[in-house]
Amino acid sequence: MRNVLVLICLLAPGLVIHAQKPALSPAELSAQQASNAIAKNPQNYDAYNTLAMALARRARETSDVAYYAKAEEALQKSFALKPDNFEGLRAQTWLLLGRHEFARALEIARGLNKKAPDDVLVYGFLTDANVELGNYDDAEHAAQWMLDLRPGNLPGLTRAAYLRELFGDVDGALELMVMAYQSTPPAQTEDCAWILTQIAHLRLSIGQLKPAEDSLRQALAMFPGYHYALGQLANVRIVQKRYSEAAELLRQRYQAAPHAENLYALAESLELAGQTAEAKDAFARFEQQSLAESTKADNSNHELVYYYADHAAKPKEALRIARLEFSRRHDVHTLDAYAWALDANGQYDEAWKQIGAALAVGIRDASMLNHAGVIASHRGDLTIARSYWRQSAELNSTGSERSRARLAVN
């Protein structure tokens, strides 16, 4: 599952004191408390809402989408007791975001916003949905409302940080994420680990490998086996060219979170590690798993595009999948995948238009910059191509090595 920007944190400030992971996770504790409330009063519709939110949080903790179905069951019981109650609709919006049904989530969030224009969390959902659909002006507007209504609130800080990253201000994004981490209640161990993982991602994106690794080790100590942190630590290892270690970390992540995009990352790392037979098998399993979900909202279509373009030599299939996803949303990652598929099919001018639209948002991503360089070179402009490759290489992040290779022969 792509990491949707849904972070439900308590809004009370306080410095983090690192603690041992409790016997039950924060989501499990919340679910237990909600279940106890339901047992005492089965007519308590709001307890079912709380249970649904807890189960959705558990989905993020474990990356097990089965929790979304359980959360939906709890919501249906809430609505049966009190149809279309506000808290239930708010929880439903979170579920839709988790399932990547972004257009529907945006529709419900807009309705909730009209009913309660001072609800911070609803503005968070508006931010999330608009980001994933590529409506960045609307996303920025909603995130600003969050911070205006309640300065320093955690959901607002994390969403503002992600927008800063998209707009190319990594230093500003880091500042906001650190503020969020310092204000997260210590009992919220998964929230803390998630924020630490985002901090590591930001540091890695600008080549700060040691600080990134330190943050990830802290996240894994706080929330052992955390699948997001395992993936980011593998990215650090790839930049360090420690490919076998990266493959082992990604194998652990796939075992914990057996999603197609995680299998694709594992296959690529196995290939880098020289484990050709295992990589071939993993790619084949990825293609089968990814195709099965390609028409669903929660899919791995970006990775499937890259697989067809970079590994399987099936450019027409890459473009078919890219157009399918492009029909749903226009975020920078979808634009990048679409541009890459167009390039693989020799449609260089249209590819240049799409990669230009992605980079115009401001994002400084080494892989995207590498793609821009390749597309520029195919259009015959090596000067522009070298400029993009140099920018990519200087970031010293994932994707930078490919740009260095391009510069070496161009």
Protein backbone atom coordinates (compact mmCIF):
# COMPACT_ATOMS: atom_id res chain seq x y z
CA MET A 1 0.00 0.00 0.00
CA ARG A 2 1.19 3.39 -0.85
CA ASN A 3 1.78 5.46 2.26
CA VAL A 4 -1.29 7.72 2.34
CA LEU A 5 -0.79 10.80 4.53
CA VAL A 6 -3.11 9.64 7.28
CA LEU A 7 -1.65 10.19 10.73
CA ILE A 8 -4.00 10.29 13.66
CA CYS A 9 -2.08 11.61 16.65
CA LEU A 10 -3.25 13.11 19.91
CA LEU A 11 -3.13 16.86 19.76
CA ALA A 12 -1.71 17.54 23.22
CA PRO A 13 1.96 18.62 23.07
CA GLY A 14 4.69 16.94 25.05
CA LEU A 15 8.25 15.83 24.66
CA VAL A 16 8.84 12.24 23.61
CA ILE A 17 10.31 9.90 26.17
CA HIS A 18 11.25 6.66 24.48
CA ALA A 19 9.61 3.67 26.07
CA GLN A 20 9.52 -0.07 25.61
CA LYS A 21 6.84 -1.31 23.26
CA PRO A 22 3.79 -2.33 25.34
CA ALA A 23 2.31 -5.81 25.18
CA LEU A 24 -0.46 -4.36 23.04
CA SER A 25 0.14 -1.79 20.31
CA PRO A 26 -1.58 1.62 20.55
CA ALA A 27 -4.18 0.51 17.99
CA GLU A 28 -4.80 -2.77 19.83
CA LEU A 29 -5.26 -0.93 23.11
CA SER A 30 -7.75 1.45 21.51
CA ALA A 31 -9.64 -1.45 19.93
CA GLN A 32 -9.78 -3.25 23.26
CA GLN A 33 -11.16 -0.18 25.02
CA ALA A 34 -13.79 0.31 22.31
CA SER A 35 -14.81 -3.35 22.50
CA ASN A 36 -15.21 -3.03 26.27
CA ALA A 37 -17.44 0.01 25.79
CA ILE A 38 -19.57 -1.90 23.28
CA ALA A 39 -19.90 -4.83 25.66
CA LYS A 40 -21.22 -2.48 28.35
CA ASN A 41 -23.62 -0.72 25.97
CA PRO A 42 -24.28 -2.38 22.58
CA GLN A 43 -26.30 0.68 21.54
CA ASN A 44 -23.27 2.97 21.80
CA TYR A 45 -22.83 3.86 18.13
CA ASP A 46 -19.81 6.05 18.84
CA ALA A 47 -17.95 3.12 20.38
CA TYR A 48 -18.26 1.35 17.02
CA ASN A 49 -16.74 4.44 15.38
CA THR A 50 -13.83 4.30 17.80
CA LEU A 51 -13.41 0.61 17.09
CA ALA A 52 -13.37 1.27 13.34
CA MET A 53 -10.68 3.92 13.73
CA ALA A 54 -8.60 1.61 15.92
CA LEU A 55 -8.84 -1.20 13.39
CA ALA A 56 -7.84 1.17 10.59
CA ARG A 57 -4.84 2.23 12.65
CA ARG A 58 -4.01 -1.44 13.13
CA ALA A 59 -4.00 -1.80 9.34
CA ARG A 60 -1.20 0.75 9.19
CA GLU A 61 0.70 -0.85 12.05
CA THR A 62 0.67 -4.26 10.38
CA SER A 63 0.04 -3.44 6.70
CA ASP A 64 -2.73 -6.05 6.85
CA VAL A 65 -5.64 -4.79 4.74
CA ALA A 66 -7.98 -7.32 6.37
CA TYR A 67 -8.34 -4.82 9.21
CA TYR A 68 -10.09 -2.43 6.82
CA ALA A 69 -12.85 -4.99 6.27
CA LYS A 70 -13.23 -5.41 10.04
CA ALA A 71 -13.33 -1.64 10.43
CA GLU A 72 -16.06 -1.43 7.79
CA GLU A 73 -18.12 -3.98 9.71
CA ALA A 74 -17.85 -1.84 12.83
CA LEU A 75 -18.93 1.25 10.87
CA GLN A 76 -21.98 -0.49 9.46
CA LYS A 77 -23.09 -1.28 13.01
CA SER A 78 -22.61 2.39 13.91
CA PHE A 79 -24.70 3.54 10.96
CA ALA A 80 -27.40 0.99 11.77
CA LEU A 81 -27.72 2.59 15.21
CA LYS A 82 -27.47 6.18 13.94
CA PRO A 83 -27.49 6.60 10.15
CA ASP A 84 -24.85 8.89 8.64
CA ASN A 85 -23.57 10.11 11.99
CA PHE A 86 -20.70 12.59 11.67
CA GLU A 87 -18.02 10.57 13.49
CA GLY A 88 -18.93 7.49 11.49
CA LEU A 89 -18.63 9.36 8.20
CA ARG A 90 -15.30 10.74 9.35
CA ALA A 91 -14.06 7.22 10.10
CA GLN A 92 -15.39 6.05 6.74
CA THR A 93 -13.35 8.75 5.00
CA TRP A 94 -10.21 7.47 6.69
CA LEU A 95 -11.01 3.94 5.52
CA LEU A 96 -11.50 5.14 1.96
CA LEU A 97 -8.13 6.88 2.04
CA GLY A 98 -6.49 3.74 3.37
CA ARG A 99 -8.04 1.78 0.51
CA HIS A 100 -6.88 4.42 -2.00
CA GLU A 101 -10.42 5.40 -2.97
CA PHE A 102 -9.31 9.00 -3.10
CA ALA A 103 -12.08 10.54 -5.22
CA ARG A 104 -14.81 9.09 -3.00
CA ALA A 105 -12.91 10.13 0.14
CA LEU A 106 -12.66 13.67 -1.20
CA GLU A 107 -16.38 13.77 -1.89
CA ILE A 108 -17.31 12.72 1.64
CA ALA A 109 -14.68 14.98 3.23
CA ARG A 110 -16.08 17.99 1.37
CA GLY A 111 -19.53 17.24 2.73
CA LEU A 112 -18.20 16.90 6.26
CA ASN A 113 -16.27 20.14 5.88
CA LYS A 114 -19.48 21.98 5.06
CA LYS A 115 -21.13 20.56 8.18
CA ALA A 116 -18.17 21.29 10.47
CA PRO A 117 -15.85 23.91 8.92
CA ASP A 118 -13.71 24.00 12.07
CA ASP A 119 -12.92 20.26 12.22
CA VAL A 120 -9.14 19.91 11.94
CA LEU A 121 -9.14 16.24 11.02
CA VAL A 122 -11.56 16.74 8.13
CA TYR A 123 -9.15 19.29 6.69
CA GLY A 124 -6.50 16.60 7.04
CA PHE A 125 -8.59 14.25 4.94
CA LEU A 126 -9.10 16.97 2.35
CA THR A 127 -5.33 17.39 2.25
CA ASP A 128 -4.70 13.67 1.87
CA ALA A 129 -7.21 13.11 -0.91
CA ASN A 130 -6.14 16.18 -2.87
CA VAL A 131 -2.46 15.24 -2.59
CA GLU A 132 -3.08 11.77 -3.97
CA LEU A 133 -5.23 13.13 -6.81
CA GLY A 134 -2.63 15.77 -7.67
CA ASN A 135 -4.71 18.77 -6.59
CA TYR A 136 -1.81 20.41 -4.81
CA ASP A 137 -3.22 23.94 -4.49
CA ASP A 138 -6.32 22.56 -2.78
CA ALA A 139 -4.17 20.32 -0.59
CA GLU A 140 -2.01 23.25 0.50
CA HIS A 141 -5.10 25.32 1.27
CA ALA A 142 -6.57 22.57 3.46
CA ALA A 143 -3.28 21.97 5.29
CA GLN A 144 -2.95 25.68 6.01
CA TRP A 145 -6.45 25.69 7.51
CA MET A 146 -5.38 22.87 9.84
CA LEU A 147 -2.50 24.93 11.17
CA ASP A 148 -4.53 28.13 11.34
CA LEU A 149 -7.31 26.47 13.33
CA ARG A 150 -4.96 24.77 15.78
CA PRO A 151 -1.32 25.88 15.47
CA GLY A 152 1.20 23.09 15.97
CA ASN A 153 -1.29 20.20 15.78
CA LEU A 154 0.38 16.93 14.79
CA PRO A 155 -1.76 15.94 11.80
CA GLY A 156 -1.27 19.43 10.40
CA LEU A 157 2.49 19.35 10.90
CA THR A 158 2.97 16.01 9.15
CA ARG A 159 0.81 16.98 6.20
CA ALA A 160 2.51 20.35 5.86
CA ALA A 161 5.85 18.55 5.93
CA TYR A 162 4.86 16.27 3.06
CA LEU A 163 3.71 19.23 1.00
CA ARG A 164 7.00 21.01 1.70
CA GLU A 165 8.80 17.95 0.35
CA LEU A 166 6.64 17.90 -2.77
CA PHE A 167 7.35 21.59 -3.31
CA GLY A 168 11.10 21.01 -3.04
CA ASP A 169 11.71 22.36 0.47
CA VAL A 170 13.25 19.33 2.17
CA ASP A 171 14.82 21.39 4.96
CA GLY A 172 11.41 22.87 5.78
CA ALA A 173 9.83 19.42 5.66
CA LEU A 174 12.46 18.09 8.08
CA GLU A 175 11.88 20.96 10.48
CA LEU A 176 8.15 20.25 10.60
CA MET A 177 8.61 16.48 10.99
CA VAL A 178 11.03 16.98 13.87
CA MET A 179 8.50 19.30 15.53
CA ALA A 180 5.85 16.62 15.10
CA TYR A 181 8.11 13.94 16.58
CA GLN A 182 8.99 16.07 19.60
CA SER A 183 5.29 16.62 20.27
CA THR A 184 4.07 13.04 19.88
CA PRO A 185 2.86 11.38 23.09
CA PRO A 186 5.33 8.66 24.10
CA ALA A 187 2.65 5.99 24.33
CA GLN A 188 1.94 6.40 20.60
CA THR A 189 4.86 4.18 19.62
CA GLU A 190 3.71 3.48 16.06
CA ASP A 191 3.08 7.16 15.38
CA CYS A 192 6.57 7.93 16.67
CA ALA A 193 8.08 5.18 14.51
CA TRP A 194 6.14 6.42 11.48
CA ILE A 195 7.42 9.97 11.94
CA LEU A 196 10.98 8.75 12.45
CA THR A 197 10.68 6.78 9.23
CA GLN A 198 9.50 9.89 7.38
CA ILE A 199 12.41 11.85 8.84
CA ALA A 200 14.75 9.13 7.58
CA HIS A 201 13.14 9.25 4.14
CA LEU A 202 13.68 13.00 3.95
CA ARG A 203 17.29 12.71 5.06
CA LEU A 204 17.94 9.94 2.56
CA SER A 205 16.40 12.03 -0.23
CA ILE A 206 19.24 14.54 0.19
CA GLY A 207 22.00 12.02 0.82
CA GLN A 208 22.23 12.21 4.62
CA LEU A 209 22.76 8.48 5.01
CA LYS A 210 24.06 8.27 8.58
CA PRO A 211 21.32 10.45 10.12
CA ALA A 212 18.74 8.53 8.09
CA GLU A 213 20.03 5.21 9.37
CA ASP A 214 20.09 6.49 12.95
CA SER A 215 16.43 7.51 12.72
CA LEU A 216 15.48 4.12 11.29
CA ARG A 217 17.31 2.19 13.99
CA GLN A 218 15.45 4.28 16.55
CA ALA A 219 12.13 3.55 14.82
CA LEU A 220 12.81 -0.19 14.77
CA ALA A 221 13.84 -0.19 18.42
CA MET A 222 10.61 1.58 19.29
CA PHE A 223 8.36 -0.55 17.06
CA PRO A 224 10.25 -3.78 16.22
CA GLY A 225 9.82 -5.19 12.74
CA TYR A 226 8.07 -2.03 11.50
CA HIS A 227 7.54 -2.62 7.78
CA TYR A 228 7.91 1.02 6.70
CA ALA A 229 11.23 1.36 8.52
CA LEU A 230 12.55 -1.90 7.06
CA GLY A 231 11.85 -0.58 3.57
CA GLN A 232 13.62 2.72 4.19
CA LEU A 233 16.62 1.02 5.78
CA ALA A 234 16.87 -1.15 2.67
CA ASN A 235 16.97 2.04 0.57
CA VAL A 236 19.88 3.27 2.67
CA ARG A 237 21.68 -0.02 2.04
CA ILE A 238 21.06 0.27 -1.71
CA VAL A 239 22.65 3.72 -1.82
CA GLN A 240 25.56 2.25 0.14
CA LYS A 241 25.72 -0.58 -2.45
CA ARG A 242 25.17 -3.17 0.27
CA TYR A 243 22.72 -4.98 -1.95
CA SER A 244 22.56 -8.34 -0.19
CA GLU A 245 21.69 -6.62 3.09
CA ALA A 246 19.05 -4.57 1.30
CA ALA A 247 17.54 -7.72 -0.17
CA GLU A 248 17.36 -9.36 3.26
CA LEU A 249 15.62 -6.32 4.75
CA LEU A 250 13.14 -6.23 1.88
CA ARG A 251 12.53 -9.94 2.26
CA GLN A 252 11.62 -9.32 5.90
CA ARG A 253 9.33 -6.46 4.86
CA TYR A 254 7.56 -8.59 2.26
CA GLN A 255 7.04 -11.36 4.81
CA ALA A 256 5.48 -8.81 7.17
CA ALA A 257 3.57 -6.93 4.44
CA PRO A 258 3.07 -9.21 1.40
CA HIS A 259 1.99 -6.51 -1.04
CA ALA A 260 2.94 -6.47 -4.71
CA GLU A 261 4.93 -3.22 -4.53
CA ASN A 262 7.02 -4.68 -1.72
CA LEU A 263 7.70 -7.78 -3.83
CA TYR A 264 8.82 -5.55 -6.71
CA ALA A 265 11.32 -3.76 -4.47
CA LEU A 266 12.60 -7.15 -3.29
CA ALA A 267 13.00 -8.37 -6.86
CA GLU A 268 14.99 -5.29 -7.85
CA SER A 269 17.26 -5.65 -4.83
CA LEU A 270 17.86 -9.33 -5.60
CA GLU A 271 18.85 -8.35 -9.12
CA LEU A 272 21.27 -5.75 -7.77
CA ALA A 273 22.70 -8.37 -5.41
CA GLY A 274 23.41 -10.68 -8.33
CA GLN A 275 20.83 -13.24 -7.20
CA THR A 276 19.50 -13.59 -10.73
CA ALA A 277 17.36 -16.71 -10.39
CA GLU A 278 15.65 -15.46 -7.25
CA ALA A 279 15.10 -12.06 -8.86
CA LYS A 280 13.52 -13.65 -11.94
CA ASP A 281 11.16 -15.66 -9.77
CA ALA A 282 10.25 -12.64 -7.66
CA PHE A 283 9.55 -10.52 -10.75
CA ALA A 284 7.29 -13.23 -12.17
CA ARG A 285 5.34 -13.46 -8.91
CA PHE A 286 5.15 -9.68 -8.75
CA GLU A 287 3.68 -9.42 -12.26
CA GLN A 288 1.01 -11.97 -11.47
CA GLN A 289 0.13 -10.35 -8.14
CA SER A 290 0.20 -6.83 -9.52
CA LEU A 291 -1.93 -7.57 -12.58
CA ALA A 292 -4.58 -9.14 -10.36
CA GLU A 293 -5.04 -5.82 -8.55
CA SER A 294 -4.37 -3.42 -11.43
CA THR A 295 -8.04 -2.45 -11.85
CA LYS A 296 -8.57 -1.95 -8.12
CA ALA A 297 -8.13 1.35 -6.33
CA ASP A 298 -5.41 -0.02 -4.05
CA ASN A 299 -2.91 -1.24 -6.60
CA SER A 300 0.77 -1.37 -7.51
CA ASN A 301 0.39 0.17 -10.95
CA HIS A 302 3.36 2.51 -10.64
CA GLU A 303 5.64 -0.43 -9.99
CA LEU A 304 3.98 -2.45 -12.75
CA VAL A 305 4.73 0.33 -15.24
CA TYR A 306 8.39 0.35 -14.22
CA TYR A 307 8.55 -3.44 -14.41
CA TYR A 308 7.22 -3.50 -17.96
CA ALA A 309 9.41 -0.58 -19.07
CA ASP A 310 12.67 -1.49 -17.31
CA HIS A 311 12.68 -5.26 -16.89
CA ALA A 312 10.15 -7.07 -19.07
CA ALA A 313 10.62 -5.13 -22.32
CA LYS A 314 6.85 -4.76 -22.72
CA PRO A 315 6.46 -1.03 -23.48
CA LYS A 316 2.88 -1.33 -24.73
CA GLU A 317 1.82 -2.97 -21.46
CA ALA A 318 3.64 -0.25 -19.53
CA LEU A 319 1.66 2.41 -21.36
CA ARG A 320 -1.64 0.57 -20.93
CA ILE A 321 -1.20 0.41 -17.16
CA ALA A 322 0.11 3.98 -16.97
CA ARG A 323 -2.94 5.30 -18.82
CA LEU A 324 -5.22 3.34 -16.53
CA GLU A 325 -3.72 5.00 -13.45
CA PHE A 326 -3.49 8.40 -15.17
CA SER A 327 -7.26 8.25 -15.74
CA ARG A 328 -7.71 8.15 -11.95
CA ARG A 329 -5.22 10.72 -10.65
CA HIS A 330 -2.49 13.16 -11.61
CA ASP A 331 -0.12 13.20 -8.62
CA VAL A 332 3.61 13.55 -9.32
CA HIS A 333 4.30 9.82 -8.97
CA THR A 334 1.60 8.94 -11.49
CA LEU A 335 2.86 11.62 -13.88
CA ASP A 336 6.39 10.22 -13.57
CA ALA A 337 5.24 6.65 -14.31
CA TYR A 338 3.14 7.88 -17.24
CA ALA A 339 6.07 9.85 -18.66
CA TRP A 340 8.35 6.82 -18.35
CA ALA A 341 5.86 4.60 -20.18
CA LEU A 342 5.46 7.19 -22.94
CA ASP A 343 9.23 7.38 -23.31
CA ALA A 344 9.47 3.57 -23.56
CA ASN A 345 7.04 3.77 -26.48
CA GLY A 346 8.98 6.49 -28.30
CA GLN A 347 6.48 9.24 -27.53
CA TYR A 348 9.19 11.58 -26.34
CA ASP A 349 7.42 14.94 -26.66
CA GLU A 350 4.41 13.81 -24.63
CA ALA A 351 6.75 12.15 -22.13
CA TRP A 352 8.60 15.45 -21.76
CA LYS A 353 5.31 17.25 -21.12
CA GLN A 354 4.31 14.83 -18.36
CA ILE A 355 7.67 14.69 -16.58
CA GLY A 356 7.76 18.48 -16.80
CA ALA A 357 4.37 18.68 -15.09
CA ALA A 358 5.63 16.43 -12.30
CA LEU A 359 8.83 18.39 -11.71
CA ALA A 360 7.00 21.73 -11.95
CA VAL A 361 5.43 20.96 -8.58
CA GLY A 362 8.95 21.36 -7.17
CA ILE A 363 9.81 17.83 -6.06
CA ARG A 364 13.51 16.96 -5.94
CA ASP A 365 13.51 13.21 -6.45
CA ALA A 366 16.63 11.51 -7.80
CA SER A 367 14.74 8.89 -9.81
CA MET A 368 12.41 11.46 -11.37
CA LEU A 369 15.34 13.68 -12.28
CA ASN A 370 17.05 10.69 -13.87
CA HIS A 371 13.91 10.00 -15.91
CA ALA A 372 13.80 13.63 -17.01
CA GLY A 373 17.41 13.36 -18.17
CA VAL A 374 16.73 10.21 -20.17
CA ILE A 375 13.66 11.71 -21.83
CA ALA A 376 15.60 14.89 -22.67
CA SER A 377 18.39 12.81 -24.21
CA HIS A 378 15.87 10.93 -26.35
CA ARG A 379 14.61 14.29 -27.59
CA GLY A 380 18.17 15.12 -28.60
CA ASP A 381 19.01 17.68 -25.91
CA LEU A 382 22.06 16.32 -24.10
CA THR A 383 22.76 19.63 -22.38
CA ILE A 384 19.44 19.53 -20.54
CA ALA A 385 19.82 15.79 -19.99
CA ARG A 386 23.22 16.21 -18.31
CA SER A 387 21.80 18.98 -16.12
CA TYR A 388 19.07 16.67 -14.81
CA TRP A 389 21.49 13.79 -14.33
CA ARG A 390 23.88 16.00 -12.37
CA GLN A 391 21.05 17.17 -10.12
CA SER A 392 20.05 13.56 -9.54
CA ALA A 393 23.61 12.41 -8.84
CA GLU A 394 24.24 15.24 -6.38
CA LEU A 395 21.32 14.11 -4.21
CA ASN A 396 23.15 10.82 -3.50
CA SER A 397 19.85 9.06 -3.02
CA THR A 398 18.01 6.14 -4.57
CA GLY A 399 18.16 6.69 -8.33
CA SER A 400 21.36 8.72 -8.19
CA GLU A 401 23.57 5.80 -9.25
CA ARG A 402 21.70 5.43 -12.52
CA SER A 403 22.28 9.10 -13.26
CA ARG A 404 26.00 8.72 -12.54
CA ALA A 405 26.11 5.85 -15.01
CA ARG A 406 24.41 8.02 -17.62
CA LEU A 407 26.85 10.87 -17.06
CA ALA A 408 29.79 8.50 -17.41
CA VAL A 409 28.83 7.65 -21.00
CA ASN A 410 27.31 10.95 -22.05
